[in-house]
All heavy atoms as atom14 arrays in JSON, in Angstrom:
{
  "sequence": "ENSPISVLDPESMQEVCPPTLSPEPSISRLS",
  "atom14_mask": [
    [1, 1, 1, 1, 1, 1, 1, 1, 1, 0, 0, 0, 0, 0],
    [1, 1, 1, 1, 1, 1, 1, 1, 0, 0, 0, 0, 0, 0],
    [1, 1, 1, 1, 1, 1, 0, 0, 0, 0, 0, 0, 0, 0],
    [1, 1, 1, 1, 1, 1, 1, 0, 0, 0, 0, 0, 0, 0],
    [1, 1, 1, 1, 1, 1, 1, 1, 0, 0, 0, 0, 0, 0],
    [1, 1, 1, 1, 1, 1, 0, 0, 0, 0, 0, 0, 0, 0],
    [1, 1, 1, 1, 1, 1, 1, 0, 0, 0, 0, 0, 0, 0],
    [1, 1, 1, 1, 1, 1, 1, 1, 0, 0, 0, 0, 0, 0],
    [1, 1, 1, 1, 1, 1, 1, 1, 0, 0, 0, 0, 0, 0],
    [1, 1, 1, 1, 1, 1, 1, 0, 0, 0, 0, 0, 0, 0],
    [1, 1, 1, 1, 1, 1, 1, 1, 1, 0, 0, 0, 0, 0],
    [1, 1, 1, 1, 1, 1, 0, 0, 0, 0, 0, 0, 0, 0],
    [1, 1, 1, 1, 1, 1, 1, 1, 0, 0, 0, 0, 0, 0],
    [1, 1, 1, 1, 1, 1, 1, 1, 1, 0, 0, 0, 0, 0],
    [1, 1, 1, 1, 1, 1, 1, 1, 1, 0, 0, 0, 0, 0],
    [1, 1, 1, 1, 1, 1, 1, 0, 0, 0, 0, 0, 0, 0],
    [1, 1, 1, 1, 1, 1, 0, 0, 0, 0, 0, 0, 0, 0],
    [1, 1, 1, 1, 1, 1, 1, 0, 0, 0, 0, 0, 0, 0],
    [1, 1, 1, 1, 1, 1, 1, 0, 0, 0, 0, 0, 0, 0],
    [1, 1, 1, 1, 1, 1, 1, 0, 0, 0, 0, 0, 0, 0],
    [1, 1, 1, 1, 1, 1, 1, 1, 0, 0, 0, 0, 0, 0],
    [1, 1, 1, 1, 1, 1, 0, 0, 0, 0, 0, 0, 0, 0],
    [1, 1, 1, 1, 1, 1, 1, 0, 0, 0, 0, 0, 0, 0],
    [1, 1, 1, 1, 1, 1, 1, 1, 1, 0, 0, 0, 0, 0],
    [1, 1, 1, 1, 1, 1, 1, 0, 0, 0, 0, 0, 0, 0],
    [1, 1, 1, 1, 1, 1, 0, 0, 0, 0, 0, 0, 0, 0],
    [1, 1, 1, 1, 1, 1, 1, 1, 0, 0, 0, 0, 0, 0],
    [1, 1, 1, 1, 1, 1, 0, 0, 0, 0, 0, 0, 0, 0],
    [1, 1, 1, 1, 1, 1, 1, 1, 1, 1, 1, 0, 0, 0],
    [1, 1, 1, 1, 1, 1, 1, 1, 0, 0, 0, 0, 0, 0],
    [1, 1, 1, 1, 1, 1, 0, 0, 0, 0, 0, 0, 0, 0]
  ],
  "atom14_positions": [
    [[12.58, 95.02, -45.64], [13.82, 94.55, -45.03], [13.52, 93.53, -43.95], [12.39, 93.37, -43.51], [14.59, 95.74, -44.46], [15.07, 96.7, -45.52], [15.82, 97.89, -44.96], [16.05, 97.95, -43.73], [16.17, 98.75, -45.75], [0.0, 0.0, 0.0], [0.0, 0.0, 0.0], [0.0, 0.0, 0.0], [0.0, 0.0, 0.0], [0.0, 0.0, 0.0]],
    [[14.56, 92.87, -43.51], [14.49, 91.88, -42.44], [13.76, 90.6, -42.83], [12.98, 90.04, -42.08], [13.89, 92.48, -41.17], [14.72, 93.61, -40.63], [15.95, 93.55, -40.69], [14.09, 94.65, -40.14], [0.0, 0.0, 0.0], [0.0, 0.0, 0.0], [0.0, 0.0, 0.0], [0.0, 0.0, 0.0], [0.0, 0.0, 0.0], [0.0, 0.0, 0.0]],
    [[14.03, 90.12, -44.04], [13.55, 88.81, -44.47], [14.3, 87.74, -43.69], [15.52, 87.78, -43.61], [13.9, 88.62, -45.94], [12.82, 88.68, -46.75], [0.0, 0.0, 0.0], [0.0, 0.0, 0.0], [0.0, 0.0, 0.0], [0.0, 0.0, 0.0], [0.0, 0.0, 0.0], [0.0, 0.0, 0.0], [0.0, 0.0, 0.0], [0.0, 0.0, 0.0]],
    [[13.6, 86.75, -43.12], [14.3, 85.72, -42.37], [14.99, 84.71, -43.28], [14.44, 84.29, -44.29], [13.2, 85.06, -41.56], [11.97, 85.27, -42.35], [12.15, 86.59, -43.05], [0.0, 0.0, 0.0], [0.0, 0.0, 0.0], [0.0, 0.0, 0.0], [0.0, 0.0, 0.0], [0.0, 0.0, 0.0], [0.0, 0.0, 0.0], [0.0, 0.0, 0.0]],
    [[16.2, 84.32, -42.88], [16.94, 83.25, -43.53], [16.95, 82.08, -42.55], [17.35, 82.24, -41.4], [18.38, 83.69, -43.85], [18.37, 84.86, -44.83], [19.18, 82.52, -44.42], [19.73, 85.49, -45.05], [0.0, 0.0, 0.0], [0.0, 0.0, 0.0], [0.0, 0.0, 0.0], [0.0, 0.0, 0.0], [0.0, 0.0, 0.0], [0.0, 0.0, 0.0]],
    [[16.5, 80.92, -43.0], [16.44, 79.73, -42.15], [17.4, 78.67, -42.66], [17.55, 78.48, -43.87], [15.03, 79.16, -42.12], [14.13, 80.08, -41.52], [0.0, 0.0, 0.0], [0.0, 0.0, 0.0], [0.0, 0.0, 0.0], [0.0, 0.0, 0.0], [0.0, 0.0, 0.0], [0.0, 0.0, 0.0], [0.0, 0.0, 0.0], [0.0, 0.0, 0.0]],
    [[18.04, 77.97, -41.72], [18.97, 76.88, -42.04], [18.4, 75.6, -41.43], [18.18, 75.53, -40.22], [20.38, 77.16, -41.47], [21.34, 76.03, -41.86], [20.9, 78.51, -41.96], [0.0, 0.0, 0.0], [0.0, 0.0, 0.0], [0.0, 0.0, 0.0], [0.0, 0.0, 0.0], [0.0, 0.0, 0.0], [0.0, 0.0, 0.0], [0.0, 0.0, 0.0]],
    [[18.16, 74.6, -42.29], [17.53, 73.35, -41.85], [18.49, 72.18, -41.92], [19.27, 72.07, -42.88], [16.31, 73.03, -42.72], [15.21, 74.07, -42.81], [14.13, 73.6, -43.77], [14.64, 74.36, -41.44], [0.0, 0.0, 0.0], [0.0, 0.0, 0.0], [0.0, 0.0, 0.0], [0.0, 0.0, 0.0], [0.0, 0.0, 0.0], [0.0, 0.0, 0.0]],
    [[18.4, 71.3, -40.94], [19.12, 70.03, -41.0], [18.33, 69.09, -41.91], [17.12, 68.93, -41.73], [19.21, 69.43, -39.59], [19.88, 68.08, -39.6], [21.11, 68.04, -39.48], [19.15, 67.07, -39.74], [0.0, 0.0, 0.0], [0.0, 0.0, 0.0], [0.0, 0.0, 0.0], [0.0, 0.0, 0.0], [0.0, 0.0, 0.0], [0.0, 0.0, 0.0]],
    [[18.97, 68.49, -42.92], [18.23, 67.69, -43.89], [17.67, 66.38, -43.31], [16.72, 65.83, -43.86], [19.25, 67.4, -44.98], [20.56, 67.48, -44.29], [20.4, 68.53, -43.23], [0.0, 0.0, 0.0], [0.0, 0.0, 0.0], [0.0, 0.0, 0.0], [0.0, 0.0, 0.0], [0.0, 0.0, 0.0], [0.0, 0.0, 0.0], [0.0, 0.0, 0.0]],
    [[18.24, 65.89, -42.22], [17.77, 64.64, -41.63], [16.61, 64.88, -40.66], [15.57, 64.23, -40.76], [18.92, 63.92, -40.91], [20.07, 63.53, -41.83], [19.67, 62.57, -42.94], [18.83, 61.68, -42.69], [20.21, 62.71, -44.05], [0.0, 0.0, 0.0], [0.0, 0.0, 0.0], [0.0, 0.0, 0.0], [0.0, 0.0, 0.0], [0.0, 0.0, 0.0]],
    [[16.78, 65.8, -39.73], [15.74, 66.04, -38.71], [14.65, 66.99, -39.19], [13.58, 67.03, -38.6], [16.37, 66.63, -37.45], [16.83, 67.96, -37.68], [0.0, 0.0, 0.0], [0.0, 0.0, 0.0], [0.0, 0.0, 0.0], [0.0, 0.0, 0.0], [0.0, 0.0, 0.0], [0.0, 0.0, 0.0], [0.0, 0.0, 0.0], [0.0, 0.0, 0.0]],
    [[14.92, 67.74, -40.27], [13.99, 68.76, -40.78], [13.66, 69.79, -39.69], [12.53, 70.24, -39.57], [12.72, 68.12, -41.34], [12.95, 67.3, -42.59], [13.63, 68.26, -43.96], [12.26, 69.32, -44.37], [0.0, 0.0, 0.0], [0.0, 0.0, 0.0], [0.0, 0.0, 0.0], [0.0, 0.0, 0.0], [0.0, 0.0, 0.0], [0.0, 0.0, 0.0]],
    [[14.65, 70.17, -38.9], [14.52, 71.21, -37.89], [15.58, 72.26, -38.15], [16.61, 71.99, -38.77], [14.71, 70.62, -36.49], [13.63, 69.62, -36.1], [12.26, 70.24, -36.05], [12.06, 71.29, -35.45], [11.29, 69.6, -36.68], [0.0, 0.0, 0.0], [0.0, 0.0, 0.0], [0.0, 0.0, 0.0], [0.0, 0.0, 0.0], [0.0, 0.0, 0.0]],
    [[15.34, 73.47, -37.65], [16.33, 74.54, -37.8], [17.56, 74.23, -36.95], [17.44, 73.74, -35.83], [15.73, 75.88, -37.4], [14.73, 76.39, -38.42], [14.24, 77.78, -38.13], [13.73, 78.01, -37.02], [14.38, 78.62, -39.03], [0.0, 0.0, 0.0], [0.0, 0.0, 0.0], [0.0, 0.0, 0.0], [0.0, 0.0, 0.0], [0.0, 0.0, 0.0]],
    [[18.74, 74.52, -37.51], [19.99, 74.28, -36.79], [20.41, 75.5, -35.99], [21.32, 75.41, -35.17], [21.12, 73.83, -37.73], [20.77, 72.5, -38.4], [21.45, 74.88, -38.76], [0.0, 0.0, 0.0], [0.0, 0.0, 0.0], [0.0, 0.0, 0.0], [0.0, 0.0, 0.0], [0.0, 0.0, 0.0], [0.0, 0.0, 0.0], [0.0, 0.0, 0.0]],
    [[19.75, 76.63, -36.22], [20.02, 77.87, -35.5], [18.8, 78.77, -35.65], [17.97, 78.53, -36.52], [21.28, 78.56, -36.03], [21.21, 78.98, -37.78], [0.0, 0.0, 0.0], [0.0, 0.0, 0.0], [0.0, 0.0, 0.0], [0.0, 0.0, 0.0], [0.0, 0.0, 0.0], [0.0, 0.0, 0.0], [0.0, 0.0, 0.0], [0.0, 0.0, 0.0]],
    [[18.68, 79.8, -34.82], [17.55, 80.72, -35.0], [17.63, 81.42, -36.36], [18.74, 81.61, -36.9], [17.73, 81.74, -33.87], [18.59, 81.06, -32.87], [19.49, 80.13, -33.65], [0.0, 0.0, 0.0], [0.0, 0.0, 0.0], [0.0, 0.0, 0.0], [0.0, 0.0, 0.0], [0.0, 0.0, 0.0], [0.0, 0.0, 0.0], [0.0, 0.0, 0.0]],
    [[16.49, 81.8, -36.95], [16.53, 82.52, -38.22], [17.36, 83.8, -38.11], [17.38, 84.46, -37.07], [15.06, 82.86, -38.5], [14.29, 81.86, -37.71], [15.12, 81.59, -36.49], [0.0, 0.0, 0.0], [0.0, 0.0, 0.0], [0.0, 0.0, 0.0], [0.0, 0.0, 0.0], [0.0, 0.0, 0.0], [0.0, 0.0, 0.0], [0.0, 0.0, 0.0]],
    [[18.07, 84.11, -39.18], [18.86, 85.33, -39.28], [18.1, 86.3, -40.16], [17.54, 85.91, -41.18], [20.23, 85.03, -39.93], [20.91, 84.08, -39.12], [21.06, 86.27, -40.09], [0.0, 0.0, 0.0], [0.0, 0.0, 0.0], [0.0, 0.0, 0.0], [0.0, 0.0, 0.0], [0.0, 0.0, 0.0], [0.0, 0.0, 0.0], [0.0, 0.0, 0.0]],
    [[18.05, 87.56, -39.78], [17.34, 88.55, -40.59], [18.28, 89.15, -41.62], [19.37, 89.6, -41.3], [16.74, 89.63, -39.69], [15.7, 89.12, -38.72], [15.18, 90.27, -37.86], [14.55, 88.44, -39.43], [0.0, 0.0, 0.0], [0.0, 0.0, 0.0], [0.0, 0.0, 0.0], [0.0, 0.0, 0.0], [0.0, 0.0, 0.0], [0.0, 0.0, 0.0]],
    [[17.82, 89.16, -42.86], [18.57, 89.75, -43.96], [18.32, 91.25, -44.01], [17.19, 91.69, -43.79], [18.12, 89.11, -45.27], [18.66, 89.78, -46.37], [0.0, 0.0, 0.0], [0.0, 0.0, 0.0], [0.0, 0.0, 0.0], [0.0, 0.0, 0.0], [0.0, 0.0, 0.0], [0.0, 0.0, 0.0], [0.0, 0.0, 0.0], [0.0, 0.0, 0.0]],
    [[19.33, 92.05, -44.32], [19.14, 93.5, -44.33], [18.47, 94.07, -45.58], [18.3, 95.26, -45.69], [20.57, 94.03, -44.2], [21.4, 92.98, -44.85], [20.72, 91.67, -44.54], [0.0, 0.0, 0.0], [0.0, 0.0, 0.0], [0.0, 0.0, 0.0], [0.0, 0.0, 0.0], [0.0, 0.0, 0.0], [0.0, 0.0, 0.0], [0.0, 0.0, 0.0]],
    [[18.08, 93.21, -46.53], [17.48, 93.75, -47.76], [16.26, 92.93, -48.18], [16.1, 91.79, -47.77], [18.5, 93.77, -48.89], [18.86, 92.4, -49.43], [20.09, 91.78, -48.78], [20.88, 92.49, -48.17], [20.22, 90.55, -48.87], [0.0, 0.0, 0.0], [0.0, 0.0, 0.0], [0.0, 0.0, 0.0], [0.0, 0.0, 0.0], [0.0, 0.0, 0.0]],
    [[15.39, 93.52, -49.02], [14.27, 92.76, -49.58], [14.79, 91.59, -50.41], [15.96, 91.54, -50.78], [13.55, 93.78, -50.46], [14.02, 95.1, -49.98], [15.41, 94.89, -49.46], [0.0, 0.0, 0.0], [0.0, 0.0, 0.0], [0.0, 0.0, 0.0], [0.0, 0.0, 0.0], [0.0, 0.0, 0.0], [0.0, 0.0, 0.0], [0.0, 0.0, 0.0]],
    [[13.91, 90.66, -50.74], [14.36, 89.45, -51.41], [13.29, 88.9, -52.34], [12.11, 88.98, -52.04], [14.68, 88.39, -50.35], [14.88, 87.14, -50.94], [0.0, 0.0, 0.0], [0.0, 0.0, 0.0], [0.0, 0.0, 0.0], [0.0, 0.0, 0.0], [0.0, 0.0, 0.0], [0.0, 0.0, 0.0], [0.0, 0.0, 0.0], [0.0, 0.0, 0.0]],
    [[13.74, 88.28, -53.45], [12.83, 87.48, -54.26], [13.03, 86.01, -53.94], [12.51, 85.15, -54.62], [12.99, 87.75, -55.77], [14.39, 87.38, -56.24], [12.61, 89.14, -56.13], [14.52, 87.26, -57.73], [0.0, 0.0, 0.0], [0.0, 0.0, 0.0], [0.0, 0.0, 0.0], [0.0, 0.0, 0.0], [0.0, 0.0, 0.0], [0.0, 0.0, 0.0]],
    [[13.83, 85.73, -52.92], [13.98, 84.4, -52.34], [14.91, 83.47, -53.09], [14.93, 82.29, -52.8], [12.6, 83.75, -52.18], [12.69, 82.58, -51.42], [0.0, 0.0, 0.0], [0.0, 0.0, 0.0], [0.0, 0.0, 0.0], [0.0, 0.0, 0.0], [0.0, 0.0, 0.0], [0.0, 0.0, 0.0], [0.0, 0.0, 0.0], [0.0, 0.0, 0.0]],
    [[15.68, 83.92, -54.02], [16.66, 83.06, -54.67], [18.0, 83.22, -53.97], [18.45, 84.31, -53.68], [16.8, 83.39, -56.15], [15.53, 83.16, -56.94], [15.22, 81.68, -56.98], [14.01, 81.45, -57.76], [13.25, 80.4, -57.6], [13.52, 79.5, -56.7], [12.2, 80.22, -58.34], [0.0, 0.0, 0.0], [0.0, 0.0, 0.0], [0.0, 0.0, 0.0]],
    [[18.64, 82.1, -53.66], [19.9, 82.08, -52.97], [20.94, 81.32, -53.76], [20.61, 80.44, -54.55], [19.76, 81.39, -51.6], [18.83, 82.01, -50.59], [18.67, 81.08, -49.39], [19.37, 83.35, -50.13], [0.0, 0.0, 0.0], [0.0, 0.0, 0.0], [0.0, 0.0, 0.0], [0.0, 0.0, 0.0], [0.0, 0.0, 0.0], [0.0, 0.0, 0.0]],
    [[22.2, 81.61, -53.52], [23.28, 80.8, -54.05], [24.3, 80.63, -52.94], [24.3, 81.36, -51.96], [23.91, 81.45, -55.29], [24.45, 82.7, -54.96], [0.0, 0.0, 0.0], [0.0, 0.0, 0.0], [0.0, 0.0, 0.0], [0.0, 0.0, 0.0], [0.0, 0.0, 0.0], [0.0, 0.0, 0.0], [0.0, 0.0, 0.0], [0.0, 0.0, 0.0]]
  ]
}
C-alpha cells in the first residue's frame, strides 16, 4: 500500500503538487 501518485507539468517537467499516496497496491496502469 501507499504507492505514490505524481502529477507533472508537461512544460517544466516538475511536480505540480506533492505526491499523493494511493491506498492500494498497483501495477502502475492509470486511466
